[in-house]
Protein backbone atom coordinates (compact mmCIF):
# COMPACT_ATOMS: atom_id res chain seq x y z
CA UNK A 1 65.75 143.42 156.87
CA UNK A 2 65.85 147.12 156.08
CA UNK A 3 69.30 148.56 155.59
CA UNK A 4 70.62 151.80 157.02
CA UNK A 5 72.30 154.23 154.66
CA UNK A 6 76.06 153.98 155.08
CA UNK A 7 77.05 157.19 153.37
CA UNK A 8 80.40 158.89 153.16
CA UNK A 9 80.01 160.73 156.47
CA UNK A 10 79.22 157.54 158.37
CA UNK A 11 82.32 155.88 156.94
CA UNK A 12 84.40 158.88 158.03
CA UNK A 13 83.20 158.52 161.58
CA UNK A 14 84.08 154.85 161.82
CA UNK A 15 87.36 155.07 159.90
CA UNK A 16 90.77 155.19 161.57
CA UNK A 17 92.58 158.52 161.32
CA UNK A 18 95.01 157.04 158.80
CA UNK A 19 92.15 156.46 156.36
CA UNK A 20 91.24 160.17 156.46
CA UNK A 21 94.72 161.44 155.55
CA UNK A 22 94.08 161.47 151.79
CA UNK A 23 91.05 163.75 152.15
CA UNK A 24 92.47 165.78 155.05
CA UNK A 25 96.26 166.13 154.60
CA UNK A 26 96.57 167.93 157.94
CA UNK A 27 95.92 164.53 159.57
CA UNK A 28 99.39 163.40 158.55
CA UNK A 29 101.56 160.63 160.11
CA UNK A 30 102.94 163.09 162.67
CA UNK A 31 99.42 163.95 163.84
CA UNK A 32 98.43 160.27 163.85
CA UNK A 33 101.48 159.37 165.96
CA UNK A 34 100.67 162.17 168.42
CA UNK A 35 97.08 160.94 168.75
CA UNK A 36 98.16 157.30 169.08
CA UNK A 37 100.38 158.25 172.02
CA UNK A 38 97.19 159.33 173.79
CA UNK A 39 95.13 156.27 172.83
CA UNK A 40 93.32 158.02 169.96
CA UNK A 41 93.06 156.03 166.75
CA UNK A 42 89.73 157.08 165.23
CA UNK A 43 87.29 159.97 165.17
CA UNK A 44 85.17 158.30 167.86
CA UNK A 45 88.11 158.20 170.24
CA UNK A 46 88.08 161.99 170.41
CA UNK A 47 84.62 161.85 171.96
CA UNK A 48 85.89 160.16 175.11
CA UNK A 49 89.04 162.22 175.61
CA UNK A 50 89.62 165.54 177.33
CA UNK A 51 90.31 167.76 174.34
CA UNK A 52 91.55 170.64 176.49
CA UNK A 53 94.16 168.30 177.93
CA UNK A 54 95.01 167.05 174.44
CA UNK A 55 95.46 170.63 173.19
CA UNK A 56 97.70 171.36 176.18
CA UNK A 57 99.91 168.41 175.25
CA UNK A 58 99.97 169.65 171.65
CA UNK A 59 101.26 173.04 172.84
CA UNK A 60 104.35 171.31 174.20
CA UNK A 61 105.28 169.82 170.82
CA UNK A 62 107.58 171.43 168.22
CA UNK A 63 104.79 171.20 165.65
CA UNK A 64 102.11 172.54 167.98
CA UNK A 65 100.37 174.72 165.38
CA UNK A 66 99.89 171.86 162.92
CA UNK A 67 98.74 169.55 165.71
CA UNK A 68 96.14 172.07 166.87
CA UNK A 69 94.96 172.48 163.28
CA UNK A 70 94.57 168.71 163.11
CA UNK A 71 92.53 168.68 166.32
CA UNK A 72 90.30 171.43 164.90
CA UNK A 73 89.84 169.42 161.70
CA UNK A 74 88.75 166.32 163.61
CA UNK A 75 86.29 168.38 165.66
CA UNK A 76 84.86 169.70 162.39
CA UNK A 77 84.38 166.12 161.19
CA UNK A 78 82.65 165.23 164.47
CA UNK A 79 80.21 168.12 164.00
CA UNK A 80 78.94 166.46 160.82
CA UNK A 81 78.41 163.06 162.44
CA UNK A 82 75.39 163.54 164.67
CA UNK A 83 72.41 161.31 163.93
CA UNK A 84 69.07 162.87 162.95
CA UNK A 85 66.54 163.37 165.71
CA UNK A 86 63.88 160.63 165.83
CA UNK A 87 60.54 160.79 167.59
CA UNK A 88 59.08 157.97 169.64
CA UNK A 89 57.01 156.57 166.77
CA UNK A 90 60.01 156.44 164.46
CA UNK A 91 62.07 154.67 167.11
CA UNK A 92 59.26 152.17 167.70
CA UNK A 93 58.93 151.48 163.97
CA UNK A 94 62.69 150.90 163.76
CA UNK A 95 62.54 148.43 166.66
CA UNK A 96 59.54 146.57 165.23
CA UNK A 97 60.42 146.41 161.55
CA UNK A 98 64.22 146.66 161.34
CA UNK A 99 65.41 144.90 164.48
CA UNK A 100 64.47 141.22 164.17
CA UNK A 101 65.02 138.46 166.73
CA UNK A 102 67.45 135.74 165.64
CA UNK A 103 67.13 132.25 167.09
CA UNK A 104 70.34 130.93 168.63
CA UNK A 105 69.44 127.33 167.86
CA UNK A 106 69.18 126.52 171.57
CA UNK A 107 65.59 126.25 172.77
CA UNK A 108 66.45 127.13 176.38
CA UNK A 109 68.24 130.37 175.52
CA UNK A 110 65.63 131.39 172.95
CA UNK A 111 62.81 130.80 175.43
CA UNK A 112 64.61 132.81 178.08
CA UNK A 113 65.18 135.75 175.70
CA UNK A 114 61.76 135.76 174.11
CA UNK A 115 62.91 134.27 170.81
CA UNK A 116 66.66 134.79 170.66
CA UNK A 117 69.22 137.54 170.09
CA UNK A 118 67.85 140.86 168.89
CA UNK A 119 69.39 142.77 166.04
CA UNK A 120 70.62 146.17 167.13
CA UNK A 121 71.73 144.91 170.53
CA UNK A 122 75.02 143.84 172.08
CA UNK A 123 74.58 140.60 174.03
CA UNK A 124 77.28 139.36 176.39
CA UNK A 125 77.60 135.69 177.36
CA UNK A 126 79.52 135.37 180.62
CA UNK A 127 80.86 132.16 182.11
CA UNK A 128 83.90 130.35 183.48
CA UNK A 129 86.38 128.55 181.27
CA UNK A 130 85.10 125.41 179.49
CA UNK A 131 81.46 126.07 180.35
CA UNK A 132 80.30 125.99 176.72
CA UNK A 133 80.42 129.65 175.63
CA UNK A 134 82.20 128.89 172.36
CA UNK A 135 79.76 126.06 171.59
CA UNK A 136 76.86 128.49 172.01
CA UNK A 137 78.59 130.91 169.63
CA UNK A 138 79.19 128.21 167.02
CA UNK A 139 75.60 127.00 167.28
CA UNK A 140 74.21 130.55 167.01
CA UNK A 141 76.39 131.26 163.96
CA UNK A 142 75.25 128.03 162.30
CA UNK A 143 71.60 128.69 163.02
CA UNK A 144 71.61 132.29 161.76
CA UNK A 145 73.40 131.30 158.56
CA UNK A 146 71.03 128.35 158.01
CA UNK A 147 67.62 129.49 159.24
CA UNK A 148 67.83 133.26 158.80
CA UNK A 149 69.78 133.19 155.51
CA UNK A 150 72.19 135.75 156.94
CA UNK A 151 75.94 136.16 156.87
CA UNK A 152 77.89 135.86 160.12
CA UNK A 153 81.23 137.49 160.98
CA UNK A 154 83.09 135.55 163.67
CA UNK A 155 86.10 137.15 165.43
CA UNK A 156 88.12 134.35 167.00
CA UNK A 157 90.61 135.48 169.66
CA UNK A 158 91.83 132.11 170.89
CA UNK A 159 91.88 129.68 167.95
CA UNK A 160 88.69 128.11 169.24
CA UNK A 161 86.66 128.40 166.02
CA UNK A 162 85.87 124.95 164.66
CA UNK A 163 84.73 124.67 161.03
CA UNK A 164 84.09 120.96 161.61
CA UNK A 165 81.64 121.76 164.42
CA UNK A 166 80.01 124.43 162.29
CA UNK A 167 79.60 121.91 159.47
CA UNK A 168 78.06 119.41 161.90
CA UNK A 169 75.61 121.97 163.25
CA UNK A 170 74.66 123.22 159.78
CA UNK A 171 74.13 119.70 158.49
CA UNK A 172 71.74 118.78 161.29
CA UNK A 173 69.90 122.10 161.37
CA UNK A 174 69.35 122.10 157.61
CA UNK A 175 68.26 118.46 157.72
CA UNK A 176 68.88 117.91 154.00
CA UNK A 177 70.34 114.93 152.22
CA UNK A 178 73.67 115.68 150.59
CA UNK A 179 72.54 115.39 146.97
CA UNK A 180 73.78 117.97 144.46
CA UNK A 181 71.19 120.57 145.52
CA UNK A 182 71.89 119.89 149.17
CA UNK A 183 75.63 120.29 148.64
CA UNK A 184 75.13 123.66 146.97
CA UNK A 185 72.98 124.88 149.84
CA UNK A 186 75.50 123.56 152.36
CA UNK A 187 78.33 125.35 150.55
CA UNK A 188 76.38 128.63 150.44
CA UNK A 189 75.69 128.45 154.16
CA UNK A 190 79.29 127.66 155.03
CA UNK A 191 80.54 130.49 152.80
CA UNK A 192 78.26 132.86 154.71
CA UNK A 193 80.21 132.36 157.96
CA UNK A 194 83.46 134.32 157.82
CA UNK A 195 86.05 133.89 160.57
CA UNK A 196 88.82 136.38 161.36
CA UNK A 197 91.63 135.50 163.76
CA UNK A 198 92.02 138.52 166.05
CA UNK A 199 94.62 138.57 168.81
CA UNK A 200 94.65 142.22 169.95
CA UNK A 201 92.15 145.04 170.24
CA UNK A 202 93.76 147.13 167.49
CA UNK A 203 93.30 144.32 164.97
CA UNK A 204 89.66 144.10 166.04
CA UNK A 205 89.24 147.83 165.40
CA UNK A 206 90.68 147.41 161.90
CA UNK A 207 88.41 144.46 161.13
CA UNK A 208 85.34 146.38 162.31
CA UNK A 209 86.31 149.46 160.29
CA UNK A 210 86.68 147.34 157.15
CA UNK A 211 83.38 145.64 157.88
CA UNK A 212 81.53 148.96 158.07
CA UNK A 213 83.18 150.28 154.92
CA UNK A 214 82.22 147.10 153.04
CA UNK A 215 78.57 147.05 154.18
CA UNK A 216 77.18 148.84 151.08
CA UNK A 217 78.90 146.46 148.63
CA UNK A 218 77.80 143.43 150.69
CA UNK A 219 74.18 144.56 150.53
CA UNK A 220 74.41 145.08 146.76
CA UNK A 221 75.63 141.51 146.40
CA UNK A 222 72.69 140.26 148.46
CA UNK A 223 74.79 139.30 151.47
CA UNK A 224 73.39 140.75 154.68
CA UNK A 225 75.56 140.47 157.77
CA UNK A 226 73.06 139.71 160.51
CA UNK A 227 75.34 138.55 163.31
CA UNK A 228 78.77 139.52 164.62
CA UNK A 229 80.45 137.30 167.22
CA UNK A 230 83.54 138.17 169.28
CA UNK A 231 84.82 135.11 171.15
CA UNK A 232 86.14 136.38 173.47
CA UNK A 233 86.05 140.14 174.07
CA UNK A 234 87.77 139.76 177.44
CA UNK A 235 90.83 138.19 175.79
CA UNK A 236 91.30 141.41 173.83
CA UNK A 237 90.54 143.91 176.59
CA UNK A 238 92.17 142.34 179.67
CA UNK A 239 95.77 142.84 178.40
CA UNK A 240 95.27 146.60 177.90
CA UNK A 241 93.78 147.16 181.37
CA UNK A 242 96.85 146.08 183.31
CA UNK A 243 99.29 148.97 183.36
CA UNK A 244 97.80 151.35 180.81
CA UNK A 245 95.39 153.06 183.23
CA UNK A 246 92.98 155.49 181.63
CA UNK A 247 94.21 154.69 178.11
CA UNK A 248 93.19 151.05 178.51
CA UNK A 249 89.76 152.03 179.80
CA UNK A 250 89.36 154.47 176.91
CA UNK A 251 90.12 151.72 174.41
CA UNK A 252 87.63 149.43 176.15
CA UNK A 253 84.91 152.08 175.97
CA UNK A 254 85.75 152.69 172.31
CA UNK A 255 85.39 148.97 171.59
CA UNK A 256 82.01 148.81 173.30
CA UNK A 257 80.80 151.97 171.59
CA UNK A 258 81.90 150.71 168.17
CA UNK A 259 80.16 147.34 168.62
CA UNK A 260 76.91 148.97 169.79
CA UNK A 261 77.00 151.53 166.99
CA UNK A 262 77.55 148.82 164.39
CA UNK A 263 74.70 146.78 165.87
CA UNK A 264 72.24 149.68 165.84
CA UNK A 265 73.06 151.34 162.52
CA UNK A 266 73.37 148.13 160.51
CA UNK A 267 70.75 145.98 162.28
CA UNK A 268 73.25 143.37 163.39
CA UNK A 269 72.97 141.10 166.44
CA UNK A 270 76.31 141.30 168.26
CA UNK A 271 77.30 138.46 170.59
CA UNK A 272 80.46 138.63 172.71
CA UNK A 273 81.81 136.27 175.36
CA UNK A 274 83.43 137.23 178.64
CA UNK A 275 85.04 135.17 181.39
CA UNK A 276 84.36 135.37 185.13
CA UNK A 277 86.56 136.43 188.03
CA UNK A 278 86.22 136.00 191.77
CA UNK A 279 83.89 138.47 193.45
CA UNK A 280 82.78 139.10 197.01
CA UNK A 281 82.62 135.97 199.16
CA UNK A 282 84.08 134.02 196.26
CA UNK A 283 80.99 134.46 194.08
CA UNK A 284 82.00 134.65 190.39
CA UNK A 285 81.29 137.89 188.55
CA UNK A 286 81.84 139.10 184.97
CA UNK A 287 85.37 140.27 184.20
CA UNK A 288 86.36 143.71 182.84
CA UNK A 289 85.08 145.69 185.83
CA UNK A 290 82.45 148.36 186.42
CA UNK A 291 83.29 150.44 183.36
CA UNK A 292 82.35 147.60 181.01
CA UNK A 293 79.39 146.49 183.12
CA UNK A 294 76.96 149.03 181.66
CA UNK A 295 77.98 148.55 178.01
CA UNK A 296 76.11 145.35 176.92
CA UNK A 297 72.36 145.61 176.38
CA UNK A 298 71.91 142.00 177.50
CA UNK A 299 74.09 139.94 179.84
CA UNK A 300 73.67 136.18 180.23
CA UNK A 301 75.45 134.02 182.79
CA UNK A 302 76.31 130.46 181.75
CA UNK A 303 77.25 128.09 184.54
CA UNK A 304 76.78 124.48 185.53
CA UNK A 305 77.99 121.24 186.99
CA UNK A 306 80.57 119.47 184.82
CA UNK A 307 79.75 116.23 186.62
CA UNK A 308 76.24 115.90 185.18
CA UNK A 309 76.81 117.93 181.97
CA UNK A 310 73.91 120.26 182.80
CA UNK A 311 74.25 123.99 182.18
CA UNK A 312 72.25 126.80 183.73
CA UNK A 313 71.65 130.02 181.79
CA UNK A 314 70.49 133.10 183.70
CA UNK A 315 69.65 136.67 182.72
CA UNK A 316 71.76 139.24 184.57
CA UNK A 317 70.70 142.23 182.47
CA UNK A 318 68.02 142.83 179.83
CA UNK A 319 66.45 146.14 178.72
CA UNK A 320 62.96 144.77 178.00
CA UNK A 321 62.64 141.58 180.00
CA UNK A 322 59.37 142.69 181.62
CA UNK A 323 57.60 142.76 178.25
CA UNK A 324 57.70 139.00 177.83
CA UNK A 325 58.08 137.64 181.36
CA UNK A 326 54.69 139.00 182.43
CA UNK A 327 55.72 139.92 185.94
CA UNK A 328 58.08 137.00 186.54
CA UNK A 329 60.99 137.74 188.86
CA UNK A 330 63.77 137.83 186.28
CA UNK A 331 66.45 137.57 188.94
CA UNK A 332 65.20 134.07 189.69
CA UNK A 333 64.96 132.90 186.09
CA UNK A 334 67.28 129.99 185.39
CA UNK A 335 66.86 127.75 182.37
CA UNK A 336 68.41 124.27 182.58
CA UNK A 337 69.59 122.67 179.39
CA UNK A 338 71.89 119.77 178.66
CA UNK A 339 74.51 121.43 176.48
CA UNK A 340 76.79 118.42 176.42
CA UNK A 341 73.95 116.25 175.13
CA UNK A 342 73.20 118.80 172.43
CA UNK A 343 76.82 118.93 171.30
CA UNK A 344 77.82 115.29 171.57
CA UNK A 345 74.71 113.50 170.35
CA UNK A 346 73.61 114.29 166.78
CA UNK A 347 70.13 112.84 167.28
CA UNK A 348 69.45 115.39 170.01
CA UNK A 349 70.78 118.16 167.79
CA UNK A 350 68.60 116.99 164.92
CA UNK A 351 65.55 117.12 167.19
CA UNK A 352 66.55 120.67 168.15
CA UNK A 353 66.75 121.57 164.47
CA UNK A 354 63.27 120.16 163.84
CA UNK A 355 61.95 122.27 166.70
CA UNK A 356 63.56 125.36 165.19
CA UNK A 357 61.97 124.52 161.83
CA UNK A 358 58.57 124.32 163.50
CA UNK A 359 58.85 127.52 165.51
CA UNK A 360 60.98 129.84 163.38
CA UNK A 361 60.37 128.66 159.84
CA UNK A 362 62.50 130.08 157.04
CA UNK A 363 62.70 133.69 158.15
């Protein structure tokens, strides 16, 4: 996997305002508090705010001149952040050679997506409670760490991360006896999956900022983060949408923008989960509303009948589905797979691992 340069300017863009204070003293705690009162915590947040309105609010403050100087300083930083122009051939090369497809470990999902989750994209897995979303996340994390030799960052918002389940998945996917060599490999794989407990959106922002800042050192140590999982994104966003109005929506957009930027610039496959709410005529629909609807590159709907333990996975949104469905009506695509069998019966999981070995190999 080719890495993207994460120079000083890129770090500035992703960093919270507090991290810039040492280099830009005008961005002092007073300025940070003023910005925070308007839902602005990082340089990116300025891009989705009305700066004329922000300047008008600054005029009403006792320290208006310093606040306006701070706003000007942030705008100057933004001017240095634009990405270089790329032509069509350069974009195609990036997609072909830098953005790999990572198998999830589930044959049904991989077949539906043309191989799995693509690096550089934000994929959303939508479904009702207890439909198996977390199990898909755990399986995908295990498979990427085992088969793709990549590190995985897992943001757990509801204490649903299970290291025991991860160990079970890894053991069956790897398919190795636990001799001394096997134990070392198992330990390396398990160490490559890092879980952070995250219970609010601001903590998630901080974790993502630290992740971006640490990317260069991780690459030097040979550890490539290839997947980021947020289970679940709706648990972090729903609380801020209630009474916060435009500020809550701004934070939601910032979260989506940050995840997509991280995915693209660092060639990471981002997987988030979202719950469903009642729609028209009682038909379930993804939560978080219309503003969030256009943010994920790929949206999958997981549903099923708990009585027979069969799950149905459907594509609701995909930017390049036509390239590998060869004219198939994607709105009618529904892949049945027995998730409960996969989870509860090791022999089935082992068979799945053997199939992954055959198809994917050691990439």
